[in-house]
C-alpha atoms as a PDB file:
ATOM      1  CA  MET A   1     236.475  60.340 116.396  1.00  0.00           C
ATOM      2  CA  THR A   2     235.027  58.508 113.412  1.00  0.00           C
ATOM      3  CA  ARG A   3     231.810  57.473 115.137  1.00  0.00           C
ATOM      4  CA  LEU A   4     229.928  58.488 118.236  1.00  0.00           C
ATOM      5  CA  TYR A   5     229.778  55.090 119.898  1.00  0.00           C
ATOM      6  CA  THR A   6     232.906  53.228 120.941  1.00  0.00           C
ATOM      7  CA  ARG A   7     231.532  50.068 122.608  1.00  0.00           C
ATOM      8  CA  VAL A   8     234.203  50.551 125.277  1.00  0.00           C
ATOM      9  CA  GLY A   9     231.596  50.990 128.002  1.00  0.00           C
ATOM     10  CA  ASP A  10     229.632  47.868 127.239  1.00  0.00           C
ATOM     11  CA  GLU A  11     231.341  46.032 130.106  1.00  0.00           C
ATOM     12  CA  GLY A  12     230.664  48.716 132.720  1.00  0.00           C
ATOM     13  CA  GLU A  13     233.936  50.603 132.439  1.00  0.00           C
ATOM     14  CA  THR A  14     234.975  53.836 130.793  1.00  0.00           C
ATOM     15  CA  HIS A  15     238.214  55.580 129.915  1.00  0.00           C
ATOM     16  CA  LEU A  16     239.360  58.741 131.595  1.00  0.00           C
ATOM     17  CA  ALA A  17     241.193  61.297 129.488  1.00  0.00           C
ATOM     18  CA  ASP A  18     244.508  60.093 130.944  1.00  0.00           C
ATOM     19  CA  GLY A  19     243.853  56.648 129.448  1.00  0.00           C
ATOM     20  CA  SER A  20     243.032  54.867 132.709  1.00  0.00           C
ATOM     21  CA  ARG A  21     239.910  52.745 132.961  1.00  0.00           C
ATOM     22  CA  VAL A  22     237.407  53.126 135.782  1.00  0.00           C
ATOM     23  CA  GLY A  23     234.056  51.603 136.563  1.00  0.00           C
ATOM     24  CA  LYS A  24     231.038  53.556 135.394  1.00  0.00           C
ATOM     25  CA  VAL A  25     229.758  53.421 138.972  1.00  0.00           C
ATOM     26  CA  SER A  26     232.941  54.933 140.441  1.00  0.00           C
ATOM     27  CA  LEU A  27     232.671  58.080 142.515  1.00  0.00           C
ATOM     28  CA  ARG A  28     234.882  59.955 140.023  1.00  0.00           C
ATOM     29  CA  ILE A  29     232.402  59.197 137.217  1.00  0.00           C
ATOM     30  CA  ASP A  30     229.533  60.257 139.512  1.00  0.00           C
ATOM     31  CA  VAL A  31     231.214  63.632 140.040  1.00  0.00           C
ATOM     32  CA  ILE A  32     231.901  64.017 136.316  1.00  0.00           C
ATOM     33  CA  GLY A  33     228.201  63.248 135.753  1.00  0.00           C
ATOM     34  CA  ASP A  34     227.200  65.846 138.351  1.00  0.00           C
ATOM     35  CA  ILE A  35     229.310  68.457 136.551  1.00  0.00           C
ATOM     36  CA  ASP A  36     227.738  67.440 133.227  1.00  0.00           C
ATOM     37  CA  GLU A  37     224.253  67.754 134.755  1.00  0.00           C
ATOM     38  CA  LEU A  38     225.167  71.162 136.186  1.00  0.00           C
ATOM     39  CA  ASN A  39     226.365  72.300 132.777  1.00  0.00           C
ATOM     40  CA  ALA A  40     223.162  71.032 131.137  1.00  0.00           C
ATOM     41  CA  SER A  41     221.039  72.825 133.743  1.00  0.00           C
ATOM     42  CA  LEU A  42     222.930  76.032 132.945  1.00  0.00           C
ATOM     43  CA  GLY A  43     222.192  75.398 129.273  1.00  0.00           C
ATOM     44  CA  MET A  44     218.503  75.262 130.149  1.00  0.00           C
ATOM     45  CA  ALA A  45     218.854  78.550 132.033  1.00  0.00           C
ATOM     46  CA  GLU A  46     220.657  80.150 129.107  1.00  0.00           C
ATOM     47  CA  ALA A  47     217.923  78.984 126.728  1.00  0.00           C
ATOM     48  CA  CYS A  48     215.340  81.084 128.583  1.00  0.00           C
ATOM     49  CA  CYS A  49     217.674  83.972 129.429  1.00  0.00           C
ATOM     50  CA  GLU A  50     216.769  87.410 128.134  1.00  0.00           C
ATOM     51  CA  MET A  51     219.319  89.265 130.277  1.00  0.00           C
ATOM     52  CA  ALA A  52     222.600  89.717 128.416  1.00  0.00           C
ATOM     53  CA  GLU A  53     224.751  90.051 131.539  1.00  0.00           C
ATOM     54  CA  ILE A  54     223.420  86.822 133.005  1.00  0.00           C
ATOM     55  CA  GLY A  55     223.703  85.080 129.625  1.00  0.00           C
ATOM     56  CA  HIS A  56     227.393  86.017 129.444  1.00  0.00           C
ATOM     57  CA  GLU A  57     227.950  84.712 132.979  1.00  0.00           C
ATOM     58  CA  ILE A  58     226.235  81.433 132.140  1.00  0.00           C
ATOM     59  CA  THR A  59     228.330  80.909 129.006  1.00  0.00           C
ATOM     60  CA  TRP A  60     231.526  81.708 130.907  1.00  0.00           C
ATOM     61  CA  LEU A  61     230.519  79.198 133.596  1.00  0.00           C
ATOM     62  CA  GLN A  62     229.746  76.506 131.041  1.00  0.00           C
ATOM     63  CA  HIS A  63     233.262  76.823 129.637  1.00  0.00           C
ATOM     64  CA  ARG A  64     234.708  76.608 133.144  1.00  0.00           C
ATOM     65  CA  LEU A  65     232.641  73.504 133.858  1.00  0.00           C
ATOM     66  CA  PHE A  66     234.172  71.831 130.801  1.00  0.00           C
ATOM     67  CA  ASP A  67     237.565  72.713 132.316  1.00  0.00           C
ATOM     68  CA  LEU A  68     236.446  71.122 135.568  1.00  0.00           C
ATOM     69  CA  GLY A  69     235.291  67.968 133.805  1.00  0.00           C
ATOM     70  CA  ALA A  70     238.652  67.805 132.024  1.00  0.00           C
ATOM     71  CA  GLU A  71     240.463  68.116 135.351  1.00  0.00           C
ATOM     72  CA  LEU A  72     238.388  65.305 136.817  1.00  0.00           C
ATOM     73  CA  ALA A  73     239.133  63.143 133.764  1.00  0.00           C
ATOM     74  CA  GLN A  74     242.872  63.869 134.112  1.00  0.00           C
ATOM     75  CA  PRO A  75     243.449  63.862 137.870  1.00  0.00           C
ATOM     76  CA  ASP A  76     247.180  64.552 137.570  1.00  0.00           C
ATOM     77  CA  HIS A  77     246.616  67.726 135.504  1.00  0.00           C
ATOM     78  CA  PRO A  78     244.985  70.344 137.741  1.00  0.00           C
ATOM     79  CA  ARG A  79     243.462  73.287 135.894  1.00  0.00           C
ATOM     80  CA  PHE A  80     242.074  75.381 138.745  1.00  0.00           C
ATOM     81  CA  THR A  81     244.127  77.757 140.864  1.00  0.00           C
ATOM     82  CA  GLU A  82     243.509  80.285 143.611  1.00  0.00           C
ATOM     83  CA  ASN A  83     242.991  82.890 140.866  1.00  0.00           C
ATOM     84  CA  ASP A  84     239.981  80.976 139.566  1.00  0.00           C
ATOM     85  CA  VAL A  85     238.394  81.083 143.006  1.00  0.00           C
ATOM     86  CA  LEU A  86     239.193  84.799 143.300  1.00  0.00           C
ATOM     87  CA  GLU A  87     237.570  85.409 139.899  1.00  0.00           C
ATOM     88  CA  LEU A  88     234.336  83.869 141.183  1.00  0.00           C
ATOM     89  CA  GLU A  89     234.491  85.974 144.334  1.00  0.00           C
ATOM     90  CA  ILE A  90     234.893  89.139 142.247  1.00  0.00           C
ATOM     91  CA  ARG A  91     231.875  88.186 140.146  1.00  0.00           C
ATOM     92  CA  ILE A  92     229.804  87.351 143.249  1.00  0.00           C
ATOM     93  CA  ASP A  93     230.673  90.637 144.946  1.00  0.00           C
ATOM     94  CA  ARG A  94     229.950  92.692 141.818  1.00  0.00           C
ATOM     95  CA  ILE A  95     226.483  91.193 141.320  1.00  0.00           C
ATOM     96  CA  ASP A  96     225.613  91.065 145.021  1.00  0.00           C
ATOM     97  CA  ALA A  97     226.399  94.792 145.365  1.00  0.00           C
ATOM     98  CA  GLU A  98     223.504  95.505 142.972  1.00  0.00           C
ATOM     99  CA  LEU A  99     220.983  93.529 145.053  1.00  0.00           C
ATOM    100  CA  PRO A 100     219.115  94.341 148.240  1.00  0.00           C
ATOM    101  CA  PRO A 101     220.580  92.611 151.308  1.00  0.00           C
ATOM    102  CA  VAL A 102     219.272  89.138 152.136  1.00  0.00           C
ATOM    103  CA  ARG A 103     217.420  89.299 155.452  1.00  0.00           C
ATOM    104  CA  GLU A 104     215.711  85.901 155.342  1.00  0.00           C
ATOM    105  CA  PHE A 105     215.681  82.669 153.373  1.00  0.00           C
ATOM    106  CA  ILE A 106     214.325  83.015 149.852  1.00  0.00           C
ATOM    107  CA  LEU A 107     212.190  80.378 148.161  1.00  0.00           C
ATOM    108  CA  PRO A 108     213.640  79.149 144.855  1.00  0.00           C
ATOM    109  CA  GLY A 109     211.601  80.715 142.070  1.00  0.00           C
ATOM    110  CA  GLY A 110     210.967  84.215 140.845  1.00  0.00           C
ATOM    111  CA  GLY A 111     210.438  83.353 137.196  1.00  0.00           C
ATOM    112  CA  GLN A 112     211.694  80.695 134.816  1.00  0.00           C
ATOM    113  CA  LEU A 113     215.305  81.907 134.601  1.00  0.00           C
ATOM    114  CA  ALA A 114     215.641  82.490 138.349  1.00  0.00           C
ATOM    115  CA  ALA A 115     214.116  79.088 139.128  1.00  0.00           C
ATOM    116  CA  GLN A 116     216.464  77.382 136.656  1.00  0.00           C
ATOM    117  CA  LEU A 117     219.470  79.112 138.250  1.00  0.00           C
ATOM    118  CA  HIS A 118     218.277  77.997 141.711  1.00  0.00           C
ATOM    119  CA  PHE A 119     218.027  74.461 140.345  1.00  0.00           C
ATOM    120  CA  ALA A 120     221.570  74.721 138.945  1.00  0.00           C
ATOM    121  CA  ARG A 121     222.710  75.900 142.385  1.00  0.00           C
ATOM    122  CA  ALA A 122     221.226  72.776 143.987  1.00  0.00           C
ATOM    123  CA  VAL A 123     222.950  70.550 141.403  1.00  0.00           C
ATOM    124  CA  CYS A 124     226.197  72.426 142.084  1.00  0.00           C
ATOM    125  CA  ARG A 125     225.911  71.768 145.796  1.00  0.00           C
ATOM    126  CA  ARG A 126     225.421  68.039 145.143  1.00  0.00           C
ATOM    127  CA  ALA A 127     228.460  68.042 142.877  1.00  0.00           C
ATOM    128  CA  GLU A 128     230.462  69.740 145.615  1.00  0.00           C
ATOM    129  CA  ARG A 129     229.376  67.161 148.222  1.00  0.00           C
ATOM    130  CA  ASN A 130     230.342  64.321 145.902  1.00  0.00           C
ATOM    131  CA  LEU A 131     233.666  65.957 145.065  1.00  0.00           C
ATOM    132  CA  TRP A 132     234.389  66.154 148.800  1.00  0.00           C
ATOM    133  CA  ARG A 133     233.588  62.424 149.056  1.00  0.00           C
ATOM    134  CA  LEU A 134     236.059  61.794 146.236  1.00  0.00           C
ATOM    135  CA  ALA A 135     238.666  64.015 147.940  1.00  0.00           C
ATOM    136  CA  GLU A 136     238.390  61.863 151.074  1.00  0.00           C
ATOM    137  CA  ARG A 137     239.501  58.851 149.011  1.00  0.00           C
ATOM    138  CA  GLU A 138     241.788  60.285 146.339  1.00  0.00           C
ATOM    139  CA  ARG A 139     244.135  63.210 145.989  1.00  0.00           C
ATOM    140  CA  SER A 140     242.161  66.207 144.726  1.00  0.00           C
ATOM    141  CA  ASN A 141     242.870  69.792 143.814  1.00  0.00           C
ATOM    142  CA  PRO A 142     241.741  71.914 146.806  1.00  0.00           C
ATOM    143  CA  GLU A 143     241.096  74.881 144.497  1.00  0.00           C
ATOM    144  CA  THR A 144     238.517  72.840 142.588  1.00  0.00           C
ATOM    145  CA  LEU A 145     236.664  72.185 145.839  1.00  0.00           C
ATOM    146  CA  LYS A 146     236.716  75.903 146.651  1.00  0.00           C
ATOM    147  CA  PHE A 147     235.642  76.745 143.091  1.00  0.00           C
ATOM    148  CA  LEU A 148     232.490  74.607 143.349  1.00  0.00           C
ATOM    149  CA  ASN A 149     231.703  76.111 146.747  1.00  0.00           C
ATOM    150  CA  ARG A 150     231.895  79.650 145.356  1.00  0.00           C
ATOM    151  CA  LEU A 151     230.055  78.641 142.198  1.00  0.00           C
ATOM    152  CA  SER A 152     226.928  77.812 144.194  1.00  0.00           C
ATOM    153  CA  ASP A 153     227.129  81.318 145.694  1.00  0.00           C
ATOM    154  CA  LEU A 154     227.471  82.865 142.240  1.00  0.00           C
ATOM    155  CA  LEU A 155     224.443  80.917 141.042  1.00  0.00           C
ATOM    156  CA  PHE A 156     222.491  82.199 144.058  1.00  0.00           C
ATOM    157  CA  VAL A 157     223.222  85.855 143.299  1.00  0.00           C
ATOM    158  CA  LEU A 158     222.525  85.297 139.589  1.00  0.00           C
ATOM    159  CA  ALA A 159     219.155  83.775 140.517  1.00  0.00           C
ATOM    160  CA  ARG A 160     218.406  86.765 142.729  1.00  0.00           C
ATOM    161  CA  LYS A 161     219.357  89.159 139.925  1.00  0.00           C
ATOM    162  CA  ALA A 162     217.116  87.267 137.489  1.00  0.00           C
ATOM    163  CA  ALA A 163     214.147  87.071 139.875  1.00  0.00           C
ATOM    164  CA  ARG A 164     211.130  89.160 139.009  1.00  0.00           C
ATOM    165  CA  GLU A 165     210.072  88.890 142.624  1.00  0.00           C
ATOM    166  CA  GLU A 166     211.539  87.090 145.631  1.00  0.00           C
ATOM    167  CA  THR A 167     209.341  85.195 148.044  1.00  0.00           C
ATOM    168  CA  PRO A 168     210.693  84.940 151.589  1.00  0.00           C
ATOM    169  CA  TRP A 169     210.332  81.694 153.468  1.00  0.00           C
ATOM    170  CA  ASN A 170     207.593  81.813 156.102  1.00  0.00           C
ATOM    171  CA  LYS A 171     208.430  79.153 158.634  1.00  0.00           C
ATOM    172  CA  ALA A 172     205.526  77.139 159.995  1.00  0.00           C
ATOM    173  CA  GLN A 173     204.044  78.568 163.144  1.00  0.00           C
END
C-alpha cells in the first residue's frame, strides 16, 4: 500500500479481501466492524493490564480476532475449526477453576481492567448476534459462531479474575 487512503469507499462501497465489493452498510461490514470494535476494546483492556497472564490472553485473543476479520472478509476461506472452539473451552475451564463459583449475577466492574473486559464481553455478544443475523442470510462457518459464543464466556472469566472485588446484583424488592 503506497498510501493510507484509497478513495474506493467514497461511493459507499468497500472491497472485501476476496475482491468483491459490498455496501458499507451491509450486514457483513457491520459484523467486521463489531469484531474491530471488540479488538479495540481488548486493546484498551491490555493498556491498563498489570496481570501478565491476562495480558497474554488478551494478546492471543487480538490475534484471533484478526483471523476472524480475515475470515469474514474472505467468506469462502474459513479459518476456524472445532479445535479453535475447544482451545477456548480449555482456557475458560482453566481460569474458571481458579475462581469461586458464581452463585448470583455479578455487576460489571471490579476495577478498570475488569470493567473493560466486561465491556469487551458485551461487544462480543453484539458481534455474535450480528454474525447470527448474517448466517441467516449467507453461508457461514458454524465454528466461527461457536467461537464468538465461547469468547464471551472467556471474557467473563477473565473479568472475574481481574476483579478486585465483585458486586452481586441485588434485584429490586
